[in-house]
Amino acid sequence: MSEPLTVQRPNSVRRKLAISTWSAPREGNIYGKLTVDVTEARRYLEWLREKTGLKVTITHLVGKAVAVALSRAPGLNGVIRLGRYVQHTSVDISFLVALEEGRNLAKAKITDLDRKSVTELGQELRALAEKLHSGTDESFNKSMQPLKLLPTWLIRPLVHTMGYLAGVWGLNLPTLGVEPHPFGACIITNVGVFGLDEGFAPPTPFAHTPVLVLVGAIRDTPVAQDGTVVVRPQMTLCATIDHRYIDGAQGGVLAKVVRDVLENPWQLEGMDGPPSLDPSPSSTA
């Protein structure tokens, strides 16, 4: 007796793009994780919210930390062109935005992130995400049209060709909704919002980004501190790095900068620690 047939749903745009993007792995990549104490990060973000009235999140702070690290480790802030490393003129980072209840993904690129504050990043990223969710991002809409119409075997050469022209050579392709270096030097996505503690992003060939960072969930975890066990909020970052750009030792330098910014975020405001409480009137009389 033959098994009943199952109805196959048409591939979504995201599924078609995934099938067209990857083949069997052939390239060397570095995979690493970094677990950080986010006690001060939480305090810093709460202080920013109260000070500005804006919603800033741990993803924004991670983005800023990575941008600072890339500015201090320029060997990752660039692209390989004709076998030679070419450094970008600015530190640009992309954040992934889930669309259509997770059935599609889009990117929101923030330029010159090393020169922007966490609140500026939050405002700009929120504005870009709102355009994507409302369907008013013209560049994204243009880039999706051929993916909706073409079969997967034609999407592969299309996205790789566009990625090479825009990602490697920095060409502007407005008709196709593709900007120069569309993903910047790093892609960041938060999987902690889905309850995942950690995970590694697969290298995306057409993006031509040396670094991909996944932000995990924050968990209260027992850790050793000054010889005693205490419970502290911990977060794990997982990075996928193109081995052609750096080796493990240089990756360690990158991790050190990211940890320093996340565990001591007050330095972004030029402060050694959280601001002191305003003195009461009686104490100043």
C-alpha atoms as a PDB file:
ATOM      1  CA  MET A   1       0.000   0.000   0.000  1.00  0.00           C
ATOM      2  CA  SER A   2       1.486   3.294  -1.063  1.00  0.00           C
ATOM      3  CA  GLU A   3       1.908   6.096   1.425  1.00  0.00           C
ATOM      4  CA  PRO A   4      -0.452   9.062   1.090  1.00  0.00           C
ATOM      5  CA  LEU A   5       0.941  12.013  -0.773  1.00  0.00           C
ATOM      6  CA  THR A   6       1.716  15.154   1.163  1.00  0.00           C
ATOM      7  CA  VAL A   7       0.927  18.554  -0.239  1.00  0.00           C
ATOM      8  CA  GLN A   8       4.104  20.567  -0.698  1.00  0.00           C
ATOM      9  CA  ARG A   9       3.725  24.271  -0.046  1.00  0.00           C
ATOM     10  CA  PRO A  10       5.533  26.586  -2.469  1.00  0.00           C
ATOM     11  CA  ASN A  11       8.911  27.758  -1.261  1.00  0.00           C
ATOM     12  CA  SER A  12       8.837  31.105   0.506  1.00  0.00           C
ATOM     13  CA  VAL A  13      11.214  33.799  -0.718  1.00  0.00           C
ATOM     14  CA  ARG A  14      13.416  33.165   2.305  1.00  0.00           C
ATOM     15  CA  ARG A  15      13.506  29.398   1.600  1.00  0.00           C
ATOM     16  CA  LYS A  16      14.295  29.952  -2.078  1.00  0.00           C
ATOM     17  CA  LEU A  17      17.127  32.294  -1.171  1.00  0.00           C
ATOM     18  CA  ALA A  18      18.539  29.792   1.341  1.00  0.00           C
ATOM     19  CA  ILE A  19      18.473  26.931  -1.174  1.00  0.00           C
ATOM     20  CA  SER A  20      20.162  29.138  -3.760  1.00  0.00           C
ATOM     21  CA  THR A  21      22.837  30.450  -1.390  1.00  0.00           C
ATOM     22  CA  TRP A  22      24.608  27.456   0.098  1.00  0.00           C
ATOM     23  CA  SER A  23      26.241  24.322  -1.201  1.00  0.00           C
ATOM     24  CA  ALA A  24      28.539  21.906   0.647  1.00  0.00           C
ATOM     25  CA  PRO A  25      30.977  23.819   2.910  1.00  0.00           C
ATOM     26  CA  ARG A  26      34.424  24.313   1.424  1.00  0.00           C
ATOM     27  CA  GLU A  27      35.811  27.414   3.148  1.00  0.00           C
ATOM     28  CA  GLY A  28      37.585  27.762   6.473  1.00  0.00           C
ATOM     29  CA  ASN A  29      35.847  29.689   9.234  1.00  0.00           C
ATOM     30  CA  ILE A  30      36.540  30.421  12.877  1.00  0.00           C
ATOM     31  CA  TYR A  31      33.744  29.776  15.368  1.00  0.00           C
ATOM     32  CA  GLY A  32      33.952  31.255  18.843  1.00  0.00           C
ATOM     33  CA  LYS A  33      31.745  32.149  21.789  1.00  0.00           C
ATOM     34  CA  LEU A  34      32.076  34.799  24.418  1.00  0.00           C
ATOM     35  CA  THR A  35      30.078  34.789  27.659  1.00  0.00           C
ATOM     36  CA  VAL A  36      29.864  38.161  29.376  1.00  0.00           C
ATOM     37  CA  ASP A  37      28.428  39.505  32.609  1.00  0.00           C
ATOM     38  CA  VAL A  38      25.703  41.995  31.673  1.00  0.00           C
ATOM     39  CA  THR A  39      25.043  43.438  35.122  1.00  0.00           C
ATOM     40  CA  GLU A  40      26.460  46.834  34.195  1.00  0.00           C
ATOM     41  CA  ALA A  41      25.026  46.624  30.677  1.00  0.00           C
ATOM     42  CA  ARG A  42      21.512  46.307  32.110  1.00  0.00           C
ATOM     43  CA  ARG A  43      22.119  49.184  34.490  1.00  0.00           C
ATOM     44  CA  TYR A  44      23.520  51.316  31.671  1.00  0.00           C
ATOM     45  CA  LEU A  45      20.585  50.614  29.349  1.00  0.00           C
ATOM     46  CA  GLU A  46      18.078  51.429  32.096  1.00  0.00           C
ATOM     47  CA  TRP A  47      19.919  54.697  32.737  1.00  0.00           C
ATOM     48  CA  LEU A  48      19.791  55.541  29.015  1.00  0.00           C
ATOM     49  CA  ARG A  49      16.045  54.826  28.880  1.00  0.00           C
ATOM     50  CA  GLU A  50      15.354  57.084  31.840  1.00  0.00           C
ATOM     51  CA  LYS A  51      17.638  59.797  30.500  1.00  0.00           C
ATOM     52  CA  THR A  52      16.378  59.861  26.903  1.00  0.00           C
ATOM     53  CA  GLY A  53      12.932  58.267  27.039  1.00  0.00           C
ATOM     54  CA  LEU A  54      14.007  55.993  24.179  1.00  0.00           C
ATOM     55  CA  LYS A  55      13.869  52.221  24.033  1.00  0.00           C
ATOM     56  CA  VAL A  56      17.410  50.898  23.820  1.00  0.00           C
ATOM     57  CA  THR A  57      18.152  47.189  24.035  1.00  0.00           C
ATOM     58  CA  ILE A  58      21.025  44.808  24.584  1.00  0.00           C
ATOM     59  CA  THR A  59      21.182  44.261  20.807  1.00  0.00           C
ATOM     60  CA  HIS A  60      21.932  47.949  20.317  1.00  0.00           C
ATOM     61  CA  LEU A  61      24.699  47.820  22.911  1.00  0.00           C
ATOM     62  CA  VAL A  62      26.189  44.689  21.330  1.00  0.00           C
ATOM     63  CA  GLY A  63      26.168  46.446  17.956  1.00  0.00           C
ATOM     64  CA  LYS A  64      28.009  49.413  19.419  1.00  0.00           C
ATOM     65  CA  ALA A  65      30.548  47.128  21.130  1.00  0.00           C
ATOM     66  CA  VAL A  66      31.241  45.267  17.880  1.00  0.00           C
ATOM     67  CA  ALA A  67      31.612  48.572  16.017  1.00  0.00           C
ATOM     68  CA  VAL A  68      34.185  49.780  18.552  1.00  0.00           C
ATOM     69  CA  ALA A  69      36.037  46.470  18.186  1.00  0.00           C
ATOM     70  CA  LEU A  70      36.056  46.707  14.376  1.00  0.00           C
ATOM     71  CA  SER A  71      37.437  50.238  14.555  1.00  0.00           C
ATOM     72  CA  ARG A  72      40.312  48.901  16.666  1.00  0.00           C
ATOM     73  CA  ALA A  73      40.767  45.755  14.580  1.00  0.00           C
ATOM     74  CA  PRO A  74      40.672  47.114  11.017  1.00  0.00           C
ATOM     75  CA  GLY A  75      41.755  43.772   9.594  1.00  0.00           C
ATOM     76  CA  LEU A  76      38.122  42.687   9.800  1.00  0.00           C
ATOM     77  CA  ASN A  77      36.554  45.903   8.540  1.00  0.00           C
ATOM     78  CA  GLY A  78      36.978  45.335   4.847  1.00  0.00           C
ATOM     79  CA  VAL A  79      36.606  42.962   1.928  1.00  0.00           C
ATOM     80  CA  ILE A  80      38.857  40.693  -0.134  1.00  0.00           C
ATOM     81  CA  ARG A  81      39.025  41.906  -3.724  1.00  0.00           C
ATOM     82  CA  LEU A  82      41.048  40.070  -6.371  1.00  0.00           C
ATOM     83  CA  GLY A  83      42.984  38.302  -3.642  1.00  0.00           C
ATOM     84  CA  ARG A  84      43.875  41.468  -1.741  1.00  0.00           C
ATOM     85  CA  TYR A  85      42.379  42.943   1.412  1.00  0.00           C
ATOM     86  CA  VAL A  86      40.681  46.327   0.916  1.00  0.00           C
ATOM     87  CA  GLN A  87      39.663  48.210   4.056  1.00  0.00           C
ATOM     88  CA  HIS A  88      36.305  49.961   4.262  1.00  0.00           C
ATOM     89  CA  THR A  89      36.290  53.715   4.803  1.00  0.00           C
ATOM     90  CA  SER A  90      33.628  53.450   7.527  1.00  0.00           C
ATOM     91  CA  VAL A  91      32.454  50.937  10.127  1.00  0.00           C
ATOM     92  CA  ASP A  92      29.066  49.678   8.911  1.00  0.00           C
ATOM     93  CA  ILE A  93      27.059  46.904  10.566  1.00  0.00           C
ATOM     94  CA  SER A  94      23.815  45.212   9.530  1.00  0.00           C
ATOM     95  CA  PHE A  95      21.099  43.940  11.848  1.00  0.00           C
ATOM     96  CA  LEU A  96      18.638  41.270  10.747  1.00  0.00           C
ATOM     97  CA  VAL A  97      14.925  42.052  10.975  1.00  0.00           C
ATOM     98  CA  ALA A  98      12.322  39.262  10.948  1.00  0.00           C
ATOM     99  CA  LEU A  99       9.367  39.907   8.641  1.00  0.00           C
ATOM    100  CA  GLU A 100       6.097  38.154   7.836  1.00  0.00           C
ATOM    101  CA  GLU A 101       6.004  36.380  11.226  1.00  0.00           C
ATOM    102  CA  GLY A 102       9.472  34.950  10.642  1.00  0.00           C
ATOM    103  CA  ARG A 103       8.885  33.774   7.070  1.00  0.00           C
ATOM    104  CA  ASN A 104      11.287  36.343   5.667  1.00  0.00           C
ATOM    105  CA  LEU A 105      14.370  38.244   6.753  1.00  0.00           C
ATOM    106  CA  ALA A 106      15.657  41.694   5.898  1.00  0.00           C
ATOM    107  CA  LYS A 107      18.729  43.648   6.875  1.00  0.00           C
ATOM    108  CA  ALA A 108      18.991  47.141   8.280  1.00  0.00           C
ATOM    109  CA  LYS A 109      22.461  48.625   7.782  1.00  0.00           C
ATOM    110  CA  ILE A 110      23.804  51.293  10.125  1.00  0.00           C
ATOM    111  CA  THR A 111      26.741  53.291   8.760  1.00  0.00           C
ATOM    112  CA  ASP A 112      29.559  54.868  10.782  1.00  0.00           C
ATOM    113  CA  LEU A 113      28.371  52.985  13.847  1.00  0.00           C
ATOM    114  CA  ASP A 114      31.635  53.463  15.713  1.00  0.00           C
ATOM    115  CA  ARG A 115      30.912  57.219  15.682  1.00  0.00           C
ATOM    116  CA  LYS A 116      27.277  56.968  16.788  1.00  0.00           C
ATOM    117  CA  SER A 117      25.872  56.635  20.282  1.00  0.00           C
ATOM    118  CA  VAL A 118      23.769  53.716  21.451  1.00  0.00           C
ATOM    119  CA  THR A 119      20.661  55.917  21.427  1.00  0.00           C
ATOM    120  CA  GLU A 120      21.391  57.123  17.879  1.00  0.00           C
ATOM    121  CA  LEU A 121      21.741  53.495  16.822  1.00  0.00           C
ATOM    122  CA  GLY A 122      18.445  52.610  18.501  1.00  0.00           C
ATOM    123  CA  GLN A 123      16.570  55.454  16.816  1.00  0.00           C
ATOM    124  CA  GLU A 124      17.997  54.753  13.367  1.00  0.00           C
ATOM    125  CA  LEU A 125      17.496  51.009  13.579  1.00  0.00           C
ATOM    126  CA  ARG A 126      13.910  51.417  14.770  1.00  0.00           C
ATOM    127  CA  ALA A 127      13.118  53.751  11.861  1.00  0.00           C
ATOM    128  CA  LEU A 128      14.579  51.286   9.351  1.00  0.00           C
ATOM    129  CA  ALA A 129      12.705  48.362  10.915  1.00  0.00           C
ATOM    130  CA  GLU A 130       9.415  50.278  10.787  1.00  0.00           C
ATOM    131  CA  LYS A 131       9.888  50.907   7.053  1.00  0.00           C
ATOM    132  CA  LEU A 132      10.563  47.221   6.472  1.00  0.00           C
ATOM    133  CA  HIS A 133       7.542  46.095   8.492  1.00  0.00           C
ATOM    134  CA  SER A 134       5.248  48.608   6.809  1.00  0.00           C
ATOM    135  CA  GLY A 135       6.404  47.563   3.336  1.00  0.00           C
ATOM    136  CA  THR A 136       7.620  51.069   2.465  1.00  0.00           C
ATOM    137  CA  ASP A 137      11.319  50.268   2.084  1.00  0.00           C
ATOM    138  CA  GLU A 138      11.688  50.705  -1.680  1.00  0.00           C
ATOM    139  CA  SER A 139      15.167  49.179  -1.899  1.00  0.00           C
ATOM    140  CA  PHE A 140      14.083  46.028  -0.080  1.00  0.00           C
ATOM    141  CA  ASN A 141      10.937  45.732  -2.191  1.00  0.00           C
ATOM    142  CA  LYS A 142      12.980  46.017  -5.397  1.00  0.00           C
ATOM    143  CA  SER A 143      15.461  43.385  -4.231  1.00  0.00           C
ATOM    144  CA  MET A 144      12.638  40.946  -3.428  1.00  0.00           C
ATOM    145  CA  GLN A 145      10.891  41.097  -6.807  1.00  0.00           C
ATOM    146  CA  PRO A 146      13.263  38.829  -8.780  1.00  0.00           C
ATOM    147  CA  LEU A 147      13.491  36.403  -5.848  1.00  0.00           C
ATOM    148  CA  LYS A 148       9.712  35.971  -5.848  1.00  0.00           C
ATOM    149  CA  LEU A 149       9.569  35.294  -9.580  1.00  0.00           C
ATOM    150  CA  LEU A 150      12.678  33.231 -10.340  1.00  0.00           C
ATOM    151  CA  PRO A 151      13.295  29.524  -9.632  1.00  0.00           C
ATOM    152  CA  THR A 152      16.045  28.634  -7.168  1.00  0.00           C
ATOM    153  CA  TRP A 153      18.511  27.542  -9.864  1.00  0.00           C
ATOM    154  CA  LEU A 154      18.414  31.056 -11.329  1.00  0.00           C
ATOM    155  CA  ILE A 155      18.468  32.841  -7.974  1.00  0.00           C
ATOM    156  CA  ARG A 156      21.887  31.389  -7.099  1.00  0.00           C
ATOM    157  CA  PRO A 157      23.845  33.059  -9.945  1.00  0.00           C
ATOM    158  CA  LEU A 158      21.798  36.243  -9.549  1.00  0.00           C
ATOM    159  CA  VAL A 159      22.468  36.795  -5.840  1.00  0.00           C
ATOM    160  CA  HIS A 160      26.103  35.787  -6.121  1.00  0.00           C
ATOM    161  CA  THR A 161      26.652  38.152  -9.048  1.00  0.00           C
ATOM    162  CA  MET A 162      24.902  41.029  -7.272  1.00  0.00           C
ATOM    163  CA  GLY A 163      26.818  40.218  -4.104  1.00  0.00           C
ATOM    164  CA  TYR A 164      30.123  40.287  -5.950  1.00  0.00           C
ATOM    165  CA  LEU A 165      29.420  43.577  -7.717  1.00  0.00           C
ATOM    166  CA  ALA A 166      27.979  45.361  -4.676  1.00  0.00           C
ATOM    167  CA  GLY A 167      29.713  43.581  -1.811  1.00  0.00           C
ATOM    168  CA  VAL A 168      33.211  43.269  -3.270  1.00  0.00           C
ATOM    169  CA  TRP A 169      33.424  46.192  -5.692  1.00  0.00           C
ATOM    170  CA  GLY A 170      31.029  48.522  -3.910  1.00  0.00           C
ATOM    171  CA  LEU A 171      28.860  49.203  -6.954  1.00  0.00           C
ATOM    172  CA  ASN A 172      25.478  50.861  -6.562  1.00  0.00           C
ATOM    173  CA  LEU A 173      22.636  48.897  -8.204  1.00  0.00           C
ATOM    174  CA  PRO A 174      19.533  51.013  -7.495  1.00  0.00           C
ATOM    175  CA  THR A 175      17.366  49.264 -10.092  1.00  0.00           C
ATOM    176  CA  LEU A 176      17.773  46.034  -8.131  1.00  0.00           C
ATOM    177  CA  GLY A 177      17.547  47.760  -4.747  1.00  0.00           C
ATOM    178  CA  VAL A 178      21.167  46.961  -3.870  1.00  0.00           C
ATOM    179  CA  GLU A 179      23.476  49.539  -2.279  1.00  0.00           C
ATOM    180  CA  PRO A 180      27.301  49.500  -2.137  1.00  0.00           C
ATOM    181  CA  HIS A 181      28.584  47.029   0.475  1.00  0.00           C
ATOM    182  CA  PRO A 182      24.983  46.288   1.492  1.00  0.00           C
ATOM    183  CA  PHE A 183      25.819  44.322   4.652  1.00  0.00           C
ATOM    184  CA  GLY A 184      28.879  46.218   5.853  1.00  0.00           C
ATOM    185  CA  ALA A 185      31.570  44.282   7.717  1.00  0.00           C
ATOM    186  CA  CYS A 186      29.328  42.436  10.178  1.00  0.00           C
ATOM    187  CA  ILE A 187      25.832  40.993  10.495  1.00  0.00           C
ATOM    188  CA  ILE A 188      24.210  40.844  13.945  1.00  0.00           C
ATOM    189  CA  THR A 189      21.058  38.997  14.919  1.00  0.00           C
ATOM    190  CA  ASN A 190      19.462  38.317  18.298  1.00  0.00           C
ATOM    191  CA  VAL A 191      18.316  34.725  18.799  1.00  0.00           C
ATOM    192  CA  GLY A 192      17.865  35.275  22.527  1.00  0.00           C
ATOM    193  CA  VAL A 193      14.436  36.760  21.834  1.00  0.00           C
ATOM    194  CA  PHE A 194      13.424  33.262  20.675  1.00  0.00           C
ATOM    195  CA  GLY A 195      14.685  31.698  23.913  1.00  0.00           C
ATOM    196  CA  LEU A 196      17.957  30.388  22.456  1.00  0.00           C
ATOM    197  CA  ASP A 197      21.037  30.636  24.640  1.00  0.00           C
ATOM    198  CA  GLU A 198      23.503  30.418  21.770  1.00  0.00           C
ATOM    199  CA  GLY A 199      23.955  29.464  18.130  1.00  0.00           C
ATOM    200  CA  PHE A 200      26.270  30.033  15.184  1.00  0.00           C
ATOM    201  CA  ALA A 201      25.250  31.793  11.990  1.00  0.00           C
ATOM    202  CA  PRO A 202      26.211  30.105   8.723  1.00  0.00           C
ATOM    203  CA  PRO A 203      28.537  32.146   6.507  1.00  0.00           C
ATOM    204  CA  THR A 204      26.525  33.916   3.832  1.00  0.00           C
ATOM    205  CA  PRO A 205      28.622  33.952   0.634  1.00  0.00           C
ATOM    206  CA  PHE A 206      26.786  36.725  -1.206  1.00  0.00           C
ATOM    207  CA  ALA A 207      26.997  39.100   1.789  1.00  0.00           C
ATOM    208  CA  HIS A 208      30.816  39.256   1.800  1.00  0.00           C
ATOM    209  CA  THR A 209      30.927  40.060   5.524  1.00  0.00           C
ATOM    210  CA  PRO A 210      33.902  38.754   7.527  1.00  0.00           C
ATOM    211  CA  VAL A 211      31.925  38.557  10.789  1.00  0.00           C
ATOM    212  CA  LEU A 212      28.506  37.268  11.852  1.00  0.00           C
ATOM    213  CA  VAL A 213      27.413  37.614  15.488  1.00  0.00           C
ATOM    214  CA  LEU A 214      24.479  35.914  17.216  1.00  0.00           C
ATOM    215  CA  VAL A 215      23.229  37.350  20.512  1.00  0.00           C
ATOM    216  CA  GLY A 216      21.929  34.771  22.981  1.00  0.00           C
ATOM    217  CA  ALA A 217      19.408  35.025  25.795  1.00  0.00           C
ATOM    218  CA  ILE A 218      20.367  36.533  29.152  1.00  0.00           C
ATOM    219  CA  ARG A 219      20.305  33.936  31.936  1.00  0.00           C
ATOM    220  CA  ASP A 220      20.945  34.151  35.670  1.00  0.00           C
ATOM    221  CA  THR A 221      23.964  31.886  36.105  1.00  0.00           C
ATOM    222  CA  PRO A 222      26.083  30.841  39.101  1.00  0.00           C
ATOM    223  CA  VAL A 223      29.652  32.096  38.678  1.00  0.00           C
ATOM    224  CA  ALA A 224      32.745  32.274  40.857  1.00  0.00           C
ATOM    225  CA  GLN A 225      33.548  35.751  42.162  1.00  0.00           C
ATOM    226  CA  ASP A 226      36.258  36.480  44.721  1.00  0.00           C
ATOM    227  CA  GLY A 227      36.269  32.864  45.825  1.00  0.00           C
ATOM    228  CA  THR A 228      32.516  32.582  46.318  1.00  0.00           C
ATOM    229  CA  VAL A 229      29.624  31.486  44.119  1.00  0.00           C
ATOM    230  CA  VAL A 230      27.211  34.242  43.135  1.00  0.00           C
ATOM    231  CA  VAL A 231      24.359  34.445  40.639  1.00  0.00           C
ATOM    232  CA  ARG A 232      24.926  36.944  37.831  1.00  0.00           C
ATOM    233  CA  PRO A 233      23.130  37.712  34.545  1.00  0.00           C
ATOM    234  CA  GLN A 234      25.183  36.193  31.730  1.00  0.00           C
ATOM    235  CA  MET A 235      24.865  36.445  27.956  1.00  0.00           C
ATOM    236  CA  THR A 236      26.675  34.445  25.285  1.00  0.00           C
ATOM    237  CA  LEU A 237      27.737  35.896  21.946  1.00  0.00           C
ATOM    238  CA  CYS A 238      28.622  33.468  19.150  1.00  0.00           C
ATOM    239  CA  ALA A 239      30.750  34.645  16.243  1.00  0.00           C
ATOM    240  CA  THR A 240      31.450  33.168  12.831  1.00  0.00           C
ATOM    241  CA  ILE A 241      34.569  34.738  11.313  1.00  0.00           C
ATOM    242  CA  ASP A 242      36.089  34.291   7.860  1.00  0.00           C
ATOM    243  CA  HIS A 243      39.531  32.761   8.486  1.00  0.00           C
ATOM    244  CA  ARG A 244      40.969  34.593   5.464  1.00  0.00           C
ATOM    245  CA  TYR A 245      40.816  37.873   7.362  1.00  0.00           C
ATOM    246  CA  ILE A 246      42.262  37.014  10.767  1.00  0.00           C
ATOM    247  CA  ASP A 247      43.561  34.142  12.870  1.00  0.00           C
ATOM    248  CA  GLY A 248      42.591  33.057  16.364  1.00  0.00           C
ATOM    249  CA  ALA A 249      45.002  35.426  18.125  1.00  0.00           C
ATOM    250  CA  GLN A 250      43.533  38.474  16.390  1.00  0.00           C
ATOM    251  CA  GLY A 251      40.062  37.163  17.147  1.00  0.00           C
ATOM    252  CA  GLY A 252      41.037  37.164  20.798  1.00  0.00           C
ATOM    253  CA  VAL A 253      41.817  40.876  20.587  1.00  0.00           C
ATOM    254  CA  LEU A 254      38.389  41.475  19.071  1.00  0.00           C
ATOM    255  CA  ALA A 255      36.715  39.493  21.861  1.00  0.00           C
ATOM    256  CA  LYS A 256      38.613  41.446  24.509  1.00  0.00           C
ATOM    257  CA  VAL A 257      37.324  44.783  23.203  1.00  0.00           C
ATOM    258  CA  VAL A 258      33.736  43.532  22.959  1.00  0.00           C
ATOM    259  CA  ARG A 259      33.862  42.160  26.507  1.00  0.00           C
ATOM    260  CA  ASP A 260      35.362  45.391  27.844  1.00  0.00           C
ATOM    261  CA  VAL A 261      32.622  47.544  26.309  1.00  0.00           C
ATOM    262  CA  LEU A 262      29.770  45.261  27.410  1.00  0.00           C
ATOM    263  CA  GLU A 263      31.027  44.841  30.967  1.00  0.00           C
ATOM    264  CA  ASN A 264      32.058  48.503  31.305  1.00  0.00           C
ATOM    265  CA  PRO A 265      29.572  50.382  29.054  1.00  0.00           C
ATOM    266  CA  TRP A 266      29.893  53.631  31.008  1.00  0.00           C
ATOM    267  CA  GLN A 267      33.107  54.310  29.095  1.00  0.00           C
ATOM    268  CA  LEU A 268      30.921  55.093  26.074  1.00  0.00           C
ATOM    269  CA  GLU A 269      29.709  58.138  28.020  1.00  0.00           C
ATOM    270  CA  GLY A 270      33.212  59.097  29.171  1.00  0.00           C
ATOM    271  CA  MET A 271      32.461  57.848  32.702  1.00  0.00           C
ATOM    272  CA  ASP A 272      34.229  55.310  34.909  1.00  0.00           C
ATOM    273  CA  GLY A 273      30.946  54.040  36.328  1.00  0.00           C
ATOM    274  CA  PRO A 274      27.282  54.875  36.831  1.00  0.00           C
ATOM    275  CA  PRO A 275      26.585  58.523  37.658  1.00  0.00           C
ATOM    276  CA  SER A 276      26.173  59.314  41.329  1.00  0.00           C
ATOM    277  CA  LEU A 277      22.718  60.098  42.624  1.00  0.00           C
ATOM    278  CA  ASP A 278      21.902  63.790  42.809  1.00  0.00           C
ATOM    279  CA  PRO A 279      22.597  65.074  46.323  1.00  0.00           C
ATOM    280  CA  SER A 280      19.526  65.843  48.417  1.00  0.00           C
ATOM    281  CA  PRO A 281      18.743  69.503  49.270  1.00  0.00           C
ATOM    282  CA  SER A 282      19.651  68.895  52.910  1.00  0.00           C
ATOM    283  CA  SER A 283      23.099  67.672  51.983  1.00  0.00           C
ATOM    284  CA  THR A 284      23.840  70.786  49.955  1.00  0.00           C
ATOM    285  CA  ALA A 285      22.513  73.290  52.500  1.00  0.00           C
END
